[in-house]
Amino acid sequence: MIKKVLLTSVLCGLFCTVGFAQSFLQQQIQYPVFQAAYRQKDSILRKEFEAKGLAYPPRFIYIRSFKYDSRLEVWVKNNPIDTFTLFKSYRICALSGALGPKRQEGDYQVPEGFYYINQFEPRSVYHLALGLNYPNFSDRSQGDKAHPGSGIYIHGSCVTVGCIPLTDSKMDEVYILAVHARNLGQDYIPVHIFPVDFNNKHSVSFMDKSNADDKANRQFWGRLKEAFDDFNTTHRLPLILFDQSGDYVIKENNGSEELGKHIASGLSLQMLEEHKDPTLQSQ
């Protein structure tokens, strides 16, 4: 009975805001699937964060995924200038396509590169889903310009034709964390998708052998590895830009407060999509 009263109080606190603009969390929790996930998992996530000495809910999250290793990681922090801490790794349930970037509609490829969440879908046919801003400038420049494809999601269930499925239970957690971060002001949640975990020698060996004659892929992966190595060393997101041909350009995050705010808020991602250098802009 006490648990029901407490839960009712929590939900009332989220819903009972007549006359005031709804927060993003309040908007999302009106949908039955997310409401059920929130009821079941939010308190569990809070306990897991507390057990790891992490503040809950997180203000900033960073998602990175490794295709060949079938793993998705969620990193968190609470201040722009802080370094990220790994919260949890999730097993990816199914994959389609091969190693290498997505270049055209219908190729069943999971994209590789640097993206952000641009859509929250609490009514997905795949339980819950987070949409990515594929195709970005690089994809549009180097892929099929007329039909590069679209509709790439991290989602529940265990089927895929080019997305990243986690199963419903795992997706509940990732979606809740993303909603909290968005609710607290992180408008652009970064998602980096790599072909392999570059620290896993077996994975790198497979990648190299299976693409020994593919110069374009190897050059592309070299740029992705720059960002991977930079983050692994500093636990700060590097600044990622494009050149005129759509190639990624990686700039080291020097830990300055201003640059940290740009990257943490997602402003750099917005400007990246507009092909601008956020280091030359004022917030």
Foldseek 3Di string as FASTA:
>chain_A
DVLVVVVVVVLCVQAVPPPDDHFLVSVLCVQVLLVVLCSPPVVVLCVLCVVVVHDPPFQAWAWEAAQVQQKIWIWGDHALLDFTDTRDIAGFQDADDAQDAQAFPQRLAAHAFKWWFDDWACPDPQRTKTATPPPFLLNCLRHDVVGSHGDEIAGADRDGSHHTYRHNNVVSVVSVSVSNNVSSQQNTHMYGYANHLVVDPVSVVVVCVVCVPPPVRVVLNVQSVVQVVLCVVGSAGWQWAADPSSRIDTHHDPSDNQVSVCVRSCVSVVVRSVRHHCVPPHD
